[in-house]
Amino acid sequence: MDLLHRLFRKSPRNEKTAQDVKTYLSEYYDLFKLELLEKSSQILSIIFSMLIVIVCALVVVIYLSSAFVSWLTNVLNATWAYMIVCGIFILIILIVWYFKDTLFIKPLIRKFSRVLYPTQDADVEEILQDEEPSPIGKPQGPESEMEGGTL
């Protein structure tokens, strides 16, 4: 009981320590809020810019497909023209679906991981780039297999 009484008694030193802890926690909380604001604004800007690009691409696709259909109706029957354009769209959808990981998922994960976990480590950047490690500094050619590196 005496130990607890000594730990929790009011003294200038304990009050100063308690005030320092409160200040530290308050500053840490403010820093956390600022970092959260920065990262969320970066993520939202990425999402909005991607949405703008998608909308513009859809408008272009609509105009190009209508122009292609009108050109095909001069060459073929209108029904066949629309069926050909529909078949092209189905083919594009299947190709995009097949390559969705490399086209969309991996780049998004890479982008968001750079925003959420910024790093200056070159090894981590190579992993995020999804590239093979650099051969710089590694022995190359037949002479590297021999002892001493000469023929």
C-alpha atoms as a PDB file:
ATOM      1  CA  MET A   1       0.000   0.000   0.000  1.00  0.00           C
ATOM      2  CA  ASP A   2       2.871   2.303   0.781  1.00  0.00           C
ATOM      3  CA  LEU A   3       4.322   1.775  -2.716  1.00  0.00           C
ATOM      4  CA  LEU A   4       1.031   2.689  -4.397  1.00  0.00           C
ATOM      5  CA  HIS A   5       0.700   5.729  -2.190  1.00  0.00           C
ATOM      6  CA  ARG A   6       4.177   6.892  -3.178  1.00  0.00           C
ATOM      7  CA  LEU A   7       3.523   6.299  -6.894  1.00  0.00           C
ATOM      8  CA  PHE A   8       0.251   8.189  -7.033  1.00  0.00           C
ATOM      9  CA  ARG A   9       0.874  10.981  -4.572  1.00  0.00           C
ATOM     10  CA  LYS A  10       0.820  14.453  -5.933  1.00  0.00           C
ATOM     11  CA  SER A  11       4.201  15.979  -6.352  1.00  0.00           C
ATOM     12  CA  PRO A  12       5.544  18.560  -8.779  1.00  0.00           C
ATOM     13  CA  ARG A  13       7.576  15.882 -10.519  1.00  0.00           C
ATOM     14  CA  ASN A  14       4.569  13.548 -11.003  1.00  0.00           C
ATOM     15  CA  GLU A  15       2.380  16.427 -12.147  1.00  0.00           C
ATOM     16  CA  LYS A  16       5.027  17.496 -14.662  1.00  0.00           C
ATOM     17  CA  THR A  17       5.301  13.930 -15.966  1.00  0.00           C
ATOM     18  CA  ALA A  18       1.518  13.627 -16.242  1.00  0.00           C
ATOM     19  CA  GLN A  19       1.371  16.943 -18.084  1.00  0.00           C
ATOM     20  CA  ASP A  20       4.150  15.812 -20.448  1.00  0.00           C
ATOM     21  CA  VAL A  21       2.280  12.573 -21.170  1.00  0.00           C
ATOM     22  CA  LYS A  22      -0.932  14.497 -21.871  1.00  0.00           C
ATOM     23  CA  THR A  23       0.927  16.872 -24.177  1.00  0.00           C
ATOM     24  CA  TYR A  24       2.634  14.002 -25.978  1.00  0.00           C
ATOM     25  CA  LEU A  25      -0.648  12.130 -26.498  1.00  0.00           C
ATOM     26  CA  SER A  26      -2.361  15.302 -27.684  1.00  0.00           C
ATOM     27  CA  GLU A  27       0.445  16.024 -30.172  1.00  0.00           C
ATOM     28  CA  TYR A  28       0.468  12.405 -31.350  1.00  0.00           C
ATOM     29  CA  TYR A  29      -3.306  12.505 -31.883  1.00  0.00           C
ATOM     30  CA  ASP A  30      -3.007  15.750 -33.876  1.00  0.00           C
ATOM     31  CA  LEU A  31      -0.228  14.219 -36.005  1.00  0.00           C
ATOM     32  CA  PHE A  32      -2.371  11.137 -36.608  1.00  0.00           C
ATOM     33  CA  LYS A  33      -5.287  13.305 -37.743  1.00  0.00           C
ATOM     34  CA  LEU A  34      -3.043  15.253 -40.127  1.00  0.00           C
ATOM     35  CA  GLU A  35      -1.544  12.107 -41.632  1.00  0.00           C
ATOM     36  CA  LEU A  36      -5.008  10.595 -42.001  1.00  0.00           C
ATOM     37  CA  LEU A  37      -6.217  13.737 -43.742  1.00  0.00           C
ATOM     38  CA  GLU A  38      -3.234  13.763 -46.099  1.00  0.00           C
ATOM     39  CA  LYS A  39      -3.521  10.102 -47.051  1.00  0.00           C
ATOM     40  CA  SER A  40      -7.284  10.168 -47.457  1.00  0.00           C
ATOM     41  CA  SER A  41      -7.063  13.264 -49.668  1.00  0.00           C
ATOM     42  CA  GLN A  42      -4.424  11.560 -51.825  1.00  0.00           C
ATOM     43  CA  ILE A  43      -6.573   8.448 -52.164  1.00  0.00           C
ATOM     44  CA  LEU A  44      -9.672  10.500 -52.993  1.00  0.00           C
ATOM     45  CA  SER A  45      -7.782  12.493 -55.609  1.00  0.00           C
ATOM     46  CA  ILE A  46      -6.609   9.243 -57.209  1.00  0.00           C
ATOM     47  CA  ILE A  47     -10.169   7.902 -57.234  1.00  0.00           C
ATOM     48  CA  PHE A  48     -11.644  11.111 -58.671  1.00  0.00           C
ATOM     49  CA  SER A  49      -8.999  11.385 -61.371  1.00  0.00           C
ATOM     50  CA  MET A  50      -9.603   7.761 -62.346  1.00  0.00           C
ATOM     51  CA  LEU A  51     -13.349   8.417 -62.498  1.00  0.00           C
ATOM     52  CA  ILE A  52     -12.802  11.419 -64.778  1.00  0.00           C
ATOM     53  CA  VAL A  53     -10.597   9.352 -67.092  1.00  0.00           C
ATOM     54  CA  ILE A  54     -13.167   6.529 -67.134  1.00  0.00           C
ATOM     55  CA  VAL A  55     -16.028   8.899 -67.977  1.00  0.00           C
ATOM     56  CA  CYS A  56     -14.022  10.546 -70.762  1.00  0.00           C
ATOM     57  CA  ALA A  57     -13.028   7.141 -72.134  1.00  0.00           C
ATOM     58  CA  LEU A  58     -16.681   6.048 -72.117  1.00  0.00           C
ATOM     59  CA  VAL A  59     -17.702   9.144 -74.057  1.00  0.00           C
ATOM     60  CA  VAL A  60     -14.978   8.472 -76.625  1.00  0.00           C
ATOM     61  CA  VAL A  61     -16.008   4.823 -76.917  1.00  0.00           C
ATOM     62  CA  ILE A  62     -19.660   5.791 -77.417  1.00  0.00           C
ATOM     63  CA  TYR A  63     -18.819   8.271 -80.178  1.00  0.00           C
ATOM     64  CA  LEU A  64     -16.381   5.925 -81.897  1.00  0.00           C
ATOM     65  CA  SER A  65     -18.787   3.001 -81.754  1.00  0.00           C
ATOM     66  CA  SER A  66     -21.638   5.072 -83.161  1.00  0.00           C
ATOM     67  CA  ALA A  67     -19.361   6.299 -85.964  1.00  0.00           C
ATOM     68  CA  PHE A  68     -18.245   2.732 -86.673  1.00  0.00           C
ATOM     69  CA  VAL A  69     -21.861   1.518 -86.728  1.00  0.00           C
ATOM     70  CA  SER A  70     -22.900   4.287 -89.111  1.00  0.00           C
ATOM     71  CA  TRP A  71     -19.994   3.423 -91.412  1.00  0.00           C
ATOM     72  CA  LEU A  72     -20.856  -0.296 -91.246  1.00  0.00           C
ATOM     73  CA  THR A  73     -24.518   0.389 -92.075  1.00  0.00           C
ATOM     74  CA  ASN A  74     -23.340   1.833 -95.396  1.00  0.00           C
ATOM     75  CA  VAL A  75     -21.448  -1.383 -96.105  1.00  0.00           C
ATOM     76  CA  LEU A  76     -23.725  -3.970 -94.442  1.00  0.00           C
ATOM     77  CA  ASN A  77     -27.241  -4.309 -93.144  1.00  0.00           C
ATOM     78  CA  ALA A  78     -27.914  -2.252 -89.963  1.00  0.00           C
ATOM     79  CA  THR A  79     -28.637  -5.395 -87.937  1.00  0.00           C
ATOM     80  CA  TRP A  80     -25.307  -6.918 -88.878  1.00  0.00           C
ATOM     81  CA  ALA A  81     -23.501  -3.652 -88.161  1.00  0.00           C
ATOM     82  CA  TYR A  82     -24.882  -3.549 -84.606  1.00  0.00           C
ATOM     83  CA  MET A  83     -24.126  -7.247 -84.097  1.00  0.00           C
ATOM     84  CA  ILE A  84     -20.519  -6.762 -85.228  1.00  0.00           C
ATOM     85  CA  VAL A  85     -20.021  -3.798 -82.876  1.00  0.00           C
ATOM     86  CA  CYS A  86     -21.630  -5.765 -80.038  1.00  0.00           C
ATOM     87  CA  GLY A  87     -19.302  -8.705 -80.760  1.00  0.00           C
ATOM     88  CA  ILE A  88     -16.300  -6.363 -80.672  1.00  0.00           C
ATOM     89  CA  PHE A  89     -17.448  -5.026 -77.294  1.00  0.00           C
ATOM     90  CA  ILE A  90     -17.906  -8.552 -75.938  1.00  0.00           C
ATOM     91  CA  LEU A  91     -14.407  -9.449 -77.126  1.00  0.00           C
ATOM     92  CA  ILE A  92     -12.958  -6.334 -75.468  1.00  0.00           C
ATOM     93  CA  ILE A  93     -14.813  -7.145 -72.226  1.00  0.00           C
ATOM     94  CA  LEU A  94     -13.440 -10.697 -72.215  1.00  0.00           C
ATOM     95  CA  ILE A  95      -9.890  -9.484 -72.842  1.00  0.00           C
ATOM     96  CA  VAL A  96     -10.138  -6.868 -70.084  1.00  0.00           C
ATOM     97  CA  TRP A  97     -11.633  -9.447 -67.708  1.00  0.00           C
ATOM     98  CA  TYR A  98      -8.819 -11.879 -68.466  1.00  0.00           C
ATOM     99  CA  PHE A  99      -6.106  -9.271 -67.829  1.00  0.00           C
ATOM    100  CA  LYS A 100      -7.869  -7.437 -64.976  1.00  0.00           C
ATOM    101  CA  ASP A 101      -5.137  -8.251 -62.466  1.00  0.00           C
ATOM    102  CA  THR A 102      -2.339  -6.731 -64.524  1.00  0.00           C
ATOM    103  CA  LEU A 103      -4.459  -3.880 -65.870  1.00  0.00           C
ATOM    104  CA  PHE A 104      -6.297  -2.748 -62.748  1.00  0.00           C
ATOM    105  CA  ILE A 105      -5.756  -4.624 -59.490  1.00  0.00           C
ATOM    106  CA  LYS A 106      -1.954  -4.657 -59.267  1.00  0.00           C
ATOM    107  CA  PRO A 107      -1.510  -1.010 -60.319  1.00  0.00           C
ATOM    108  CA  LEU A 108      -4.179   0.104 -57.837  1.00  0.00           C
ATOM    109  CA  ILE A 109      -2.604  -1.875 -55.014  1.00  0.00           C
ATOM    110  CA  ARG A 110       0.792  -0.447 -55.946  1.00  0.00           C
ATOM    111  CA  LYS A 111      -0.565   3.105 -56.042  1.00  0.00           C
ATOM    112  CA  PHE A 112      -2.463   2.854 -52.755  1.00  0.00           C
ATOM    113  CA  SER A 113       0.425   1.115 -50.999  1.00  0.00           C
ATOM    114  CA  ARG A 114       2.728   3.975 -52.017  1.00  0.00           C
ATOM    115  CA  VAL A 115       0.239   6.442 -50.551  1.00  0.00           C
ATOM    116  CA  LEU A 116      -0.441   4.516 -47.355  1.00  0.00           C
ATOM    117  CA  TYR A 117       3.063   3.173 -46.736  1.00  0.00           C
ATOM    118  CA  PRO A 118       5.616   5.580 -48.190  1.00  0.00           C
ATOM    119  CA  THR A 119       9.133   4.204 -48.091  1.00  0.00           C
ATOM    120  CA  GLN A 120      12.568   5.142 -49.286  1.00  0.00           C
ATOM    121  CA  ASP A 121      13.786   1.525 -49.333  1.00  0.00           C
ATOM    122  CA  ALA A 122      14.948   0.498 -52.823  1.00  0.00           C
ATOM    123  CA  ASP A 123      14.191  -3.195 -52.228  1.00  0.00           C
ATOM    124  CA  VAL A 124      10.578  -2.431 -51.367  1.00  0.00           C
ATOM    125  CA  GLU A 125      10.259  -0.185 -54.418  1.00  0.00           C
ATOM    126  CA  GLU A 126      11.512  -3.034 -56.651  1.00  0.00           C
ATOM    127  CA  ILE A 127       8.884  -5.353 -55.185  1.00  0.00           C
ATOM    128  CA  LEU A 128       6.189  -2.733 -55.741  1.00  0.00           C
ATOM    129  CA  GLN A 129       7.340  -2.271 -59.331  1.00  0.00           C
ATOM    130  CA  ASP A 130       6.821  -6.013 -59.880  1.00  0.00           C
ATOM    131  CA  GLU A 131      10.125  -6.204 -61.693  1.00  0.00           C
ATOM    132  CA  GLU A 132      12.954  -8.639 -61.413  1.00  0.00           C
ATOM    133  CA  PRO A 133      15.738  -7.524 -59.043  1.00  0.00           C
ATOM    134  CA  SER A 134      18.452  -5.547 -60.742  1.00  0.00           C
ATOM    135  CA  PRO A 135      21.428  -7.630 -61.947  1.00  0.00           C
ATOM    136  CA  ILE A 136      23.806  -4.766 -61.133  1.00  0.00           C
ATOM    137  CA  GLY A 137      26.538  -6.009 -58.832  1.00  0.00           C
ATOM    138  CA  LYS A 138      25.890  -9.662 -59.650  1.00  0.00           C
ATOM    139  CA  PRO A 139      28.474 -11.590 -61.685  1.00  0.00           C
ATOM    140  CA  GLN A 140      27.466 -12.178 -65.297  1.00  0.00           C
ATOM    141  CA  GLY A 141      28.751 -14.528 -67.993  1.00  0.00           C
ATOM    142  CA  PRO A 142      30.917 -17.664 -67.976  1.00  0.00           C
ATOM    143  CA  GLU A 143      33.840 -16.032 -66.188  1.00  0.00           C
ATOM    144  CA  SER A 144      31.702 -15.489 -63.123  1.00  0.00           C
ATOM    145  CA  GLU A 145      31.348 -19.235 -62.606  1.00  0.00           C
ATOM    146  CA  MET A 146      35.088 -19.735 -62.350  1.00  0.00           C
ATOM    147  CA  GLU A 147      37.174 -19.087 -59.293  1.00  0.00           C
ATOM    148  CA  GLY A 148      38.685 -15.603 -59.482  1.00  0.00           C
ATOM    149  CA  GLY A 149      36.533 -14.474 -62.408  1.00  0.00           C
ATOM    150  CA  THR A 150      39.089 -14.993 -65.218  1.00  0.00           C
ATOM    151  CA  LEU A 151      39.388 -17.670 -67.923  1.00  0.00           C
END
